[in-house]
PDB file of all heavy atoms in Angstrom:
ATOM      1  N   ASP A   1     -69.022  63.612 -22.449  1.00  0.00           N
ATOM      2  CA  ASP A   1     -69.904  64.391 -23.309  1.00  0.00           C
ATOM      3  C   ASP A   1     -71.343  64.291 -22.792  1.00  0.00           C
ATOM      4  O   ASP A   1     -71.846  63.184 -22.519  1.00  0.00           O
ATOM      5  CB  ASP A   1     -69.831  63.879 -24.744  1.00  0.00           C
ATOM      6  CG  ASP A   1     -70.791  64.607 -25.665  1.00  0.00           C
ATOM      7  OD1 ASP A   1     -70.526  65.775 -26.011  1.00  0.00           O
ATOM      8  OD2 ASP A   1     -71.833  63.998 -26.014  1.00  0.00           O
ATOM      9  N   GLU A   2     -72.029  65.430 -22.663  1.00  0.00           N
ATOM     10  CA  GLU A   2     -73.366  65.443 -22.066  1.00  0.00           C
ATOM     11  C   GLU A   2     -74.363  64.612 -22.864  1.00  0.00           C
ATOM     12  O   GLU A   2     -75.196  63.880 -22.291  1.00  0.00           O
ATOM     13  CB  GLU A   2     -73.877  66.879 -21.920  1.00  0.00           C
ATOM     14  CG  GLU A   2     -73.201  67.657 -20.802  1.00  0.00           C
ATOM     15  CD  GLU A   2     -73.844  69.012 -20.573  1.00  0.00           C
ATOM     16  OE1 GLU A   2     -74.825  69.333 -21.281  1.00  0.00           O
ATOM     17  OE2 GLU A   2     -73.373  69.747 -19.692  1.00  0.00           O
ATOM     18  N   LEU A   3     -74.329  64.706 -24.182  1.00  0.00           N
ATOM     19  CA  LEU A   3     -75.252  63.918 -25.000  1.00  0.00           C
ATOM     20  C   LEU A   3     -74.984  62.427 -24.846  1.00  0.00           C
ATOM     21  O   LEU A   3     -75.920  61.612 -24.771  1.00  0.00           O
ATOM     22  CB  LEU A   3     -75.138  64.330 -26.467  1.00  0.00           C
ATOM     23  CG  LEU A   3     -75.651  65.731 -26.814  1.00  0.00           C
ATOM     24  CD1 LEU A   3     -75.411  66.036 -28.296  1.00  0.00           C
ATOM     25  CD2 LEU A   3     -77.138  65.868 -26.483  1.00  0.00           C
ATOM     26  N   ALA A   4     -73.714  62.061 -24.785  1.00  0.00           N
ATOM     27  CA  ALA A   4     -73.356  60.653 -24.621  1.00  0.00           C
ATOM     28  C   ALA A   4     -73.759  60.141 -23.238  1.00  0.00           C
ATOM     29  O   ALA A   4     -74.193  58.990 -23.092  1.00  0.00           O
ATOM     30  CB  ALA A   4     -71.861  60.465 -24.845  1.00  0.00           C
ATOM     31  N   VAL A   5     -73.632  60.999 -22.234  1.00  0.00           N
ATOM     32  CA  VAL A   5     -74.050  60.629 -20.874  1.00  0.00           C
ATOM     33  C   VAL A   5     -75.548  60.331 -20.857  1.00  0.00           C
ATOM     34  O   VAL A   5     -75.995  59.317 -20.301  1.00  0.00           O
ATOM     35  CB  VAL A   5     -73.706  61.749 -19.872  1.00  0.00           C
ATOM     36  CG1 VAL A   5     -74.437  61.539 -18.548  1.00  0.00           C
ATOM     37  CG2 VAL A   5     -72.204  61.809 -19.632  1.00  0.00           C
ATOM     38  N   GLN A   6     -76.337  61.208 -21.463  1.00  0.00           N
ATOM     39  CA  GLN A   6     -77.786  61.008 -21.479  1.00  0.00           C
ATOM     40  C   GLN A   6     -78.169  59.763 -22.281  1.00  0.00           C
ATOM     41  O   GLN A   6     -79.112  59.039 -21.908  1.00  0.00           O
ATOM     42  CB  GLN A   6     -78.488  62.244 -22.042  1.00  0.00           C
ATOM     43  CG  GLN A   6     -78.351  63.483 -21.167  1.00  0.00           C
ATOM     44  CD  GLN A   6     -78.785  63.239 -19.732  1.00  0.00           C
ATOM     45  OE1 GLN A   6     -79.833  62.661 -19.467  1.00  0.00           O
ATOM     46  NE2 GLN A   6     -77.961  63.689 -18.787  1.00  0.00           N
ATOM     47  N   ALA A   7     -77.473  59.498 -23.365  1.00  0.00           N
ATOM     48  CA  ALA A   7     -77.748  58.297 -24.160  1.00  0.00           C
ATOM     49  C   ALA A   7     -77.468  57.040 -23.339  1.00  0.00           C
ATOM     50  O   ALA A   7     -78.228  56.063 -23.392  1.00  0.00           O
ATOM     51  CB  ALA A   7     -76.907  58.302 -25.436  1.00  0.00           C
ATOM     52  N   LYS A   8     -76.392  57.065 -22.569  1.00  0.00           N
ATOM     53  CA  LYS A   8     -76.041  55.944 -21.710  1.00  0.00           C
ATOM     54  C   LYS A   8     -77.109  55.732 -20.633  1.00  0.00           C
ATOM     55  O   LYS A   8     -77.541  54.590 -20.380  1.00  0.00           O
ATOM     56  CB  LYS A   8     -74.681  56.215 -21.063  1.00  0.00           C
ATOM     57  CG  LYS A   8     -74.283  55.285 -19.925  1.00  0.00           C
ATOM     58  CD  LYS A   8     -74.010  53.880 -20.403  1.00  0.00           C
ATOM     59  CE  LYS A   8     -73.419  53.032 -19.273  1.00  0.00           C
ATOM     60  NZ  LYS A   8     -73.367  51.590 -19.635  1.00  0.00           N
ATOM     61  N   ILE A   9     -77.550  56.814 -20.009  1.00  0.00           N
ATOM     62  CA  ILE A   9     -78.582  56.724 -18.967  1.00  0.00           C
ATOM     63  C   ILE A   9     -79.873  56.145 -19.548  1.00  0.00           C
ATOM     64  O   ILE A   9     -80.483  55.250 -18.954  1.00  0.00           O
ATOM     65  CB  ILE A   9     -78.853  58.111 -18.340  1.00  0.00           C
ATOM     66  CG1 ILE A   9     -77.612  58.596 -17.579  1.00  0.00           C
ATOM     67  CG2 ILE A   9     -80.049  58.058 -17.400  1.00  0.00           C
ATOM     68  CD1 ILE A   9     -77.711  60.035 -17.109  1.00  0.00           C
ATOM     69  N   LYS A  10     -80.275  56.647 -20.708  1.00  0.00           N
ATOM     70  CA  LYS A  10     -81.527  56.182 -21.324  1.00  0.00           C
ATOM     71  C   LYS A  10     -81.465  54.682 -21.627  1.00  0.00           C
ATOM     72  O   LYS A  10     -82.412  53.933 -21.345  1.00  0.00           O
ATOM     73  CB  LYS A  10     -81.803  56.979 -22.597  1.00  0.00           C
ATOM     74  CG  LYS A  10     -83.163  56.674 -23.223  1.00  0.00           C
ATOM     75  CD  LYS A  10     -83.476  57.637 -24.361  1.00  0.00           C
ATOM     76  CE  LYS A  10     -84.886  57.396 -24.900  1.00  0.00           C
ATOM     77  NZ  LYS A  10     -85.246  58.385 -25.961  1.00  0.00           N
ATOM     78  N   GLU A  11     -80.343  54.239 -22.186  1.00  0.00           N
ATOM     79  CA  GLU A  11     -80.178  52.819 -22.501  1.00  0.00           C
ATOM     80  C   GLU A  11     -80.211  51.966 -21.232  1.00  0.00           C
ATOM     81  O   GLU A  11     -80.885  50.931 -21.171  1.00  0.00           O
ATOM     82  CB  GLU A  11     -78.859  52.609 -23.238  1.00  0.00           C
ATOM     83  CG  GLU A  11     -78.585  51.145 -23.593  1.00  0.00           C
ATOM     84  CD  GLU A  11     -77.217  50.954 -24.246  1.00  0.00           C
ATOM     85  OE1 GLU A  11     -76.473  51.945 -24.386  1.00  0.00           O
ATOM     86  OE2 GLU A  11     -76.895  49.803 -24.594  1.00  0.00           O
ATOM     87  N   ASP A  12     -79.508  52.419 -20.193  1.00  0.00           N
ATOM     88  CA  ASP A  12     -79.448  51.660 -18.946  1.00  0.00           C
ATOM     89  C   ASP A  12     -80.804  51.605 -18.243  1.00  0.00           C
ATOM     90  O   ASP A  12     -81.183  50.566 -17.687  1.00  0.00           O
ATOM     91  CB  ASP A  12     -78.412  52.278 -18.004  1.00  0.00           C
ATOM     92  CG  ASP A  12     -76.978  52.002 -18.436  1.00  0.00           C
ATOM     93  OD1 ASP A  12     -76.788  51.201 -19.373  1.00  0.00           O
ATOM     94  OD2 ASP A  12     -76.056  52.591 -17.842  1.00  0.00           O
ATOM     95  N   LEU A  13     -81.521  52.719 -18.255  1.00  0.00           N
ATOM     96  CA  LEU A  13     -82.815  52.750 -17.579  1.00  0.00           C
ATOM     97  C   LEU A  13     -83.826  51.816 -18.249  1.00  0.00           C
ATOM     98  O   LEU A  13     -84.647  51.192 -17.569  1.00  0.00           O
ATOM     99  CB  LEU A  13     -83.379  54.177 -17.541  1.00  0.00           C
ATOM    100  CG  LEU A  13     -82.657  55.178 -16.641  1.00  0.00           C
ATOM    101  CD1 LEU A  13     -83.400  56.510 -16.646  1.00  0.00           C
ATOM    102  CD2 LEU A  13     -82.527  54.667 -15.221  1.00  0.00           C
ATOM    103  N   TRP A  14     -83.769  51.727 -19.562  1.00  0.00           N
ATOM    104  CA  TRP A  14     -84.704  50.828 -20.240  1.00  0.00           C
ATOM    105  C   TRP A  14     -84.454  49.370 -19.820  1.00  0.00           C
ATOM    106  O   TRP A  14     -85.389  48.645 -19.476  1.00  0.00           O
ATOM    107  CB  TRP A  14     -84.578  50.957 -21.755  1.00  0.00           C
ATOM    108  CG  TRP A  14     -85.611  50.135 -22.468  1.00  0.00           C
ATOM    109  CD1 TRP A  14     -85.461  48.875 -22.992  1.00  0.00           C
ATOM    110  CD2 TRP A  14     -86.976  50.502 -22.684  1.00  0.00           C
ATOM    111  NE1 TRP A  14     -86.645  48.440 -23.536  1.00  0.00           N
ATOM    112  CE2 TRP A  14     -87.602  49.414 -23.354  1.00  0.00           C
ATOM    113  CE3 TRP A  14     -87.739  51.626 -22.389  1.00  0.00           C
ATOM    114  CZ2 TRP A  14     -88.941  49.431 -23.725  1.00  0.00           C
ATOM    115  CZ3 TRP A  14     -89.078  51.650 -22.759  1.00  0.00           C
ATOM    116  CH2 TRP A  14     -89.662  50.558 -23.415  1.00  0.00           C
ATOM    117  N   GLY A  15     -83.196  48.969 -19.801  1.00  0.00           N
ATOM    118  CA  GLY A  15     -82.874  47.584 -19.485  1.00  0.00           C
ATOM    119  C   GLY A  15     -82.953  47.255 -18.000  1.00  0.00           C
ATOM    120  O   GLY A  15     -83.394  46.156 -17.625  1.00  0.00           O
ATOM    121  N   ALA A  16     -82.539  48.185 -17.139  1.00  0.00           N
ATOM    122  CA  ALA A  16     -82.440  47.890 -15.706  1.00  0.00           C
ATOM    123  C   ALA A  16     -83.668  48.319 -14.913  1.00  0.00           C
ATOM    124  O   ALA A  16     -83.886  47.830 -13.800  1.00  0.00           O
ATOM    125  CB  ALA A  16     -81.199  48.577 -15.120  1.00  0.00           C
ATOM    126  N   VAL A  17     -84.484  49.230 -15.478  1.00  0.00           N
ATOM    127  CA  VAL A  17     -85.639  49.749 -14.733  1.00  0.00           C
ATOM    128  C   VAL A  17     -86.951  49.398 -15.432  1.00  0.00           C
ATOM    129  O   VAL A  17     -87.809  48.721 -14.867  1.00  0.00           O
ATOM    130  CB  VAL A  17     -85.522  51.282 -14.533  1.00  0.00           C
ATOM    131  CG1 VAL A  17     -86.783  51.827 -13.868  1.00  0.00           C
ATOM    132  CG2 VAL A  17     -84.293  51.610 -13.696  1.00  0.00           C
ATOM    133  N   VAL A  18     -87.134  49.859 -16.665  1.00  0.00           N
ATOM    134  CA  VAL A  18     -88.429  49.716 -17.335  1.00  0.00           C
ATOM    135  C   VAL A  18     -88.772  48.253 -17.601  1.00  0.00           C
ATOM    136  O   VAL A  18     -89.862  47.780 -17.243  1.00  0.00           O
ATOM    137  CB  VAL A  18     -88.463  50.528 -18.642  1.00  0.00           C
ATOM    138  CG1 VAL A  18     -89.775  50.280 -19.389  1.00  0.00           C
ATOM    139  CG2 VAL A  18     -88.295  52.013 -18.346  1.00  0.00           C
ATOM    140  N   GLU A  19     -87.869  47.518 -18.228  1.00  0.00           N
ATOM    141  CA  GLU A  19     -88.181  46.124 -18.572  1.00  0.00           C
ATOM    142  C   GLU A  19     -88.500  45.265 -17.342  1.00  0.00           C
ATOM    143  O   GLU A  19     -89.475  44.500 -17.362  1.00  0.00           O
ATOM    144  CB  GLU A  19     -87.042  45.518 -19.394  1.00  0.00           C
ATOM    145  CG  GLU A  19     -86.985  46.081 -20.820  1.00  0.00           C
ATOM    146  CD  GLU A  19     -85.938  45.413 -21.679  1.00  0.00           C
ATOM    147  OE1 GLU A  19     -84.958  44.871 -21.107  1.00  0.00           O
ATOM    148  OE2 GLU A  19     -86.084  45.422 -22.919  1.00  0.00           O
ATOM    149  N   PRO A  20     -87.740  45.349 -16.244  1.00  0.00           N
ATOM    150  CA  PRO A  20     -88.113  44.567 -15.049  1.00  0.00           C
ATOM    151  C   PRO A  20     -89.461  44.971 -14.453  1.00  0.00           C
ATOM    152  O   PRO A  20     -90.195  44.108 -13.954  1.00  0.00           O
ATOM    153  CB  PRO A  20     -86.974  44.868 -14.068  1.00  0.00           C
ATOM    154  CG  PRO A  20     -85.821  45.247 -14.917  1.00  0.00           C
ATOM    155  CD  PRO A  20     -86.411  45.978 -16.078  1.00  0.00           C
ATOM    156  N   VAL A  21     -89.803  46.258 -14.517  1.00  0.00           N
ATOM    157  CA  VAL A  21     -91.075  46.724 -13.964  1.00  0.00           C
ATOM    158  C   VAL A  21     -92.254  46.100 -14.695  1.00  0.00           C
ATOM    159  O   VAL A  21     -93.260  45.707 -14.087  1.00  0.00           O
ATOM    160  CB  VAL A  21     -91.153  48.271 -14.018  1.00  0.00           C
ATOM    161  CG1 VAL A  21     -92.600  48.753 -13.897  1.00  0.00           C
ATOM    162  CG2 VAL A  21     -90.300  48.878 -12.914  1.00  0.00           C
ATOM    163  N   PHE A  22     -92.144  45.959 -16.013  1.00  0.00           N
ATOM    164  CA  PHE A  22     -93.248  45.432 -16.816  1.00  0.00           C
ATOM    165  C   PHE A  22     -93.166  43.921 -17.018  1.00  0.00           C
ATOM    166  O   PHE A  22     -94.016  43.339 -17.696  1.00  0.00           O
ATOM    167  CB  PHE A  22     -93.290  46.126 -18.179  1.00  0.00           C
ATOM    168  CG  PHE A  22     -93.826  47.524 -18.138  1.00  0.00           C
ATOM    169  CD1 PHE A  22     -92.980  48.600 -17.942  1.00  0.00           C
ATOM    170  CD2 PHE A  22     -95.188  47.766 -18.288  1.00  0.00           C
ATOM    171  CE1 PHE A  22     -93.470  49.906 -17.896  1.00  0.00           C
ATOM    172  CE2 PHE A  22     -95.689  49.050 -18.253  1.00  0.00           C
ATOM    173  CZ  PHE A  22     -94.831  50.130 -18.049  1.00  0.00           C
ATOM    174  N   GLY A  23     -92.168  43.293 -16.423  1.00  0.00           N
ATOM    175  CA  GLY A  23     -91.926  41.877 -16.675  1.00  0.00           C
ATOM    176  C   GLY A  23     -93.098  40.974 -16.373  1.00  0.00           C
ATOM    177  O   GLY A  23     -93.355  40.003 -17.099  1.00  0.00           O
ATOM    178  N   ASP A  24     -93.857  41.257 -15.290  1.00  0.00           N
ATOM    179  CA  ASP A  24     -94.956  40.376 -14.885  1.00  0.00           C
ATOM    180  C   ASP A  24     -96.331  40.931 -15.253  1.00  0.00           C
ATOM    181  O   ASP A  24     -97.354  40.465 -14.750  1.00  0.00           O
ATOM    182  CB  ASP A  24     -94.895  40.125 -13.374  1.00  0.00           C
ATOM    183  CG  ASP A  24     -95.054  41.405 -12.556  1.00  0.00           C
ATOM    184  OD1 ASP A  24     -94.854  42.504 -13.121  1.00  0.00           O
ATOM    185  OD2 ASP A  24     -95.380  41.306 -11.353  1.00  0.00           O
ATOM    186  N   LEU A  25     -96.356  41.933 -16.136  1.00  0.00           N
ATOM    187  CA  LEU A  25     -97.620  42.579 -16.498  1.00  0.00           C
ATOM    188  C   LEU A  25     -98.039  42.217 -17.924  1.00  0.00           C
ATOM    189  O   LEU A  25     -97.190  42.049 -18.800  1.00  0.00           O
ATOM    190  CB  LEU A  25     -97.489  44.099 -16.378  1.00  0.00           C
ATOM    191  CG  LEU A  25     -97.120  44.653 -14.998  1.00  0.00           C
ATOM    192  CD1 LEU A  25     -96.946  46.159 -15.070  1.00  0.00           C
ATOM    193  CD2 LEU A  25     -98.176  44.281 -13.965  1.00  0.00           C
ATOM    194  N   GLU A  26     -99.344  42.132 -18.137  1.00  0.00           N
ATOM    195  CA  GLU A  26     -99.858  41.870 -19.489  1.00  0.00           C
ATOM    196  C   GLU A  26     -99.681  43.089 -20.383  1.00  0.00           C
ATOM    197  O   GLU A  26     -99.320  42.974 -21.558  1.00  0.00           O
ATOM    198  CB  GLU A  26    -101.334  41.477 -19.428  1.00  0.00           C
ATOM    199  CG  GLU A  26    -101.597  40.097 -18.856  1.00  0.00           C
ATOM    200  CD  GLU A  26    -103.054  39.714 -18.960  1.00  0.00           C
ATOM    201  OE1 GLU A  26    -103.780  40.331 -19.770  1.00  0.00           O
ATOM    202  OE2 GLU A  26    -103.471  38.812 -18.217  1.00  0.00           O
ATOM    203  N   ILE A  27     -99.971  44.269 -19.831  1.00  0.00           N
ATOM    204  CA  ILE A  27     -99.818  45.507 -20.599  1.00  0.00           C
ATOM    205  C   ILE A  27     -98.358  45.936 -20.538  1.00  0.00           C
ATOM    206  O   ILE A  27     -97.792  46.096 -19.447  1.00  0.00           O
ATOM    207  CB  ILE A  27    -100.735  46.605 -20.045  1.00  0.00           C
ATOM    208  CG1 ILE A  27    -102.197  46.216 -20.235  1.00  0.00           C
ATOM    209  CG2 ILE A  27    -100.439  47.947 -20.708  1.00  0.00           C
ATOM    210  CD1 ILE A  27    -103.183  47.210 -19.660  1.00  0.00           C
ATOM    211  N   LYS A  28     -97.746  46.126 -21.689  1.00  0.00           N
ATOM    212  CA  LYS A  28     -96.336  46.487 -21.754  1.00  0.00           C
ATOM    213  C   LYS A  28     -96.131  47.612 -22.764  1.00  0.00           C
ATOM    214  O   LYS A  28     -96.957  47.806 -23.671  1.00  0.00           O
ATOM    215  CB  LYS A  28     -95.495  45.277 -22.190  1.00  0.00           C
ATOM    216  CG  LYS A  28     -95.591  44.066 -21.275  1.00  0.00           C
ATOM    217  CD  LYS A  28     -94.720  42.942 -21.787  1.00  0.00           C
ATOM    218  CE  LYS A  28     -94.947  41.656 -21.014  1.00  0.00           C
ATOM    219  NZ  LYS A  28     -94.585  41.774 -19.597  1.00  0.00           N
ATOM    220  N   PRO A  29     -95.038  48.352 -22.635  1.00  0.00           N
ATOM    221  CA  PRO A  29     -94.714  49.333 -23.686  1.00  0.00           C
ATOM    222  C   PRO A  29     -94.418  48.618 -24.996  1.00  0.00           C
ATOM    223  O   PRO A  29     -93.957  47.467 -25.001  1.00  0.00           O
ATOM    224  CB  PRO A  29     -93.468  50.039 -23.130  1.00  0.00           C
ATOM    225  CG  PRO A  29     -92.908  49.132 -22.087  1.00  0.00           C
ATOM    226  CD  PRO A  29     -94.059  48.353 -21.538  1.00  0.00           C
ATOM    227  N   ASP A  30     -94.700  49.308 -26.111  1.00  0.00           N
ATOM    228  CA  ASP A  30     -94.430  48.718 -27.420  1.00  0.00           C
ATOM    229  C   ASP A  30     -93.674  49.727 -28.276  1.00  0.00           C
ATOM    230  O   ASP A  30     -93.172  50.742 -27.771  1.00  0.00           O
ATOM    231  CB  ASP A  30     -95.724  48.265 -28.098  1.00  0.00           C
ATOM    232  CG  ASP A  30     -96.740  49.404 -28.253  1.00  0.00           C
ATOM    233  OD1 ASP A  30     -96.322  50.580 -28.315  1.00  0.00           O
ATOM    234  OD2 ASP A  30     -97.954  49.118 -28.314  1.00  0.00           O
ATOM    235  N   SER A  31     -93.599  49.461 -29.565  1.00  0.00           N
ATOM    236  CA  SER A  31     -92.824  50.313 -30.468  1.00  0.00           C
ATOM    237  C   SER A  31     -93.400  51.716 -30.587  1.00  0.00           C
ATOM    238  O   SER A  31     -92.714  52.653 -31.012  1.00  0.00           O
ATOM    239  CB  SER A  31     -92.737  49.670 -31.854  1.00  0.00           C
ATOM    240  OG  SER A  31     -94.044  49.479 -32.392  1.00  0.00           O
ATOM    241  N   GLU A  32     -94.685  51.873 -30.222  1.00  0.00           N
ATOM    242  CA  GLU A  32     -95.326  53.187 -30.292  1.00  0.00           C
ATOM    243  C   GLU A  32     -95.170  53.994 -28.997  1.00  0.00           C
ATOM    244  O   GLU A  32     -95.513  55.179 -28.952  1.00  0.00           O
ATOM    245  CB  GLU A  32     -96.819  53.014 -30.601  1.00  0.00           C
ATOM    246  CG  GLU A  32     -97.126  52.323 -31.915  1.00  0.00           C
ATOM    247  CD  GLU A  32     -96.630  53.133 -33.096  1.00  0.00           C
ATOM    248  OE1 GLU A  32     -96.870  54.355 -33.116  1.00  0.00           O
ATOM    249  OE2 GLU A  32     -95.994  52.543 -33.995  1.00  0.00           O
ATOM    250  N   THR A  33     -94.664  53.374 -27.951  1.00  0.00           N
ATOM    251  CA  THR A  33     -94.531  54.041 -26.652  1.00  0.00           C
ATOM    252  C   THR A  33     -93.371  55.036 -26.670  1.00  0.00           C
ATOM    253  O   THR A  33     -92.247  54.692 -27.073  1.00  0.00           O
ATOM    254  CB  THR A  33     -94.291  53.011 -25.534  1.00  0.00           C
ATOM    255  OG1 THR A  33     -95.398  52.105 -25.488  1.00  0.00           O
ATOM    256  CG2 THR A  33     -94.149  53.695 -24.191  1.00  0.00           C
ATOM    257  N   ARG A  34     -93.639  56.259 -26.266  1.00  0.00           N
ATOM    258  CA  ARG A  34     -92.571  57.252 -26.133  1.00  0.00           C
ATOM    259  C   ARG A  34     -91.835  57.014 -24.824  1.00  0.00           C
ATOM    260  O   ARG A  34     -92.454  56.800 -23.783  1.00  0.00           O
ATOM    261  CB  ARG A  34     -93.134  58.663 -26.145  1.00  0.00           C
ATOM    262  CG  ARG A  34     -93.640  59.136 -27.482  1.00  0.00           C
ATOM    263  CD  ARG A  34     -94.089  60.582 -27.407  1.00  0.00           C
ATOM    264  NE  ARG A  34     -95.201  60.764 -26.464  1.00  0.00           N
ATOM    265  CZ  ARG A  34     -95.675  61.943 -26.075  1.00  0.00           C
ATOM    266  NH1 ARG A  34     -95.114  63.056 -26.540  1.00  0.00           N
ATOM    267  NH2 ARG A  34     -96.694  62.017 -25.251  1.00  0.00           N
TER     268      ARG A  34
END
């Protein structure tokens, strides 16, 4: 299902891409970040 595929990608990218990128930075995304 296309919607389910996109939901899976979004979840994976946050954990495998975004969080490691900001791991060593003081400024990080928060609950207000789109």
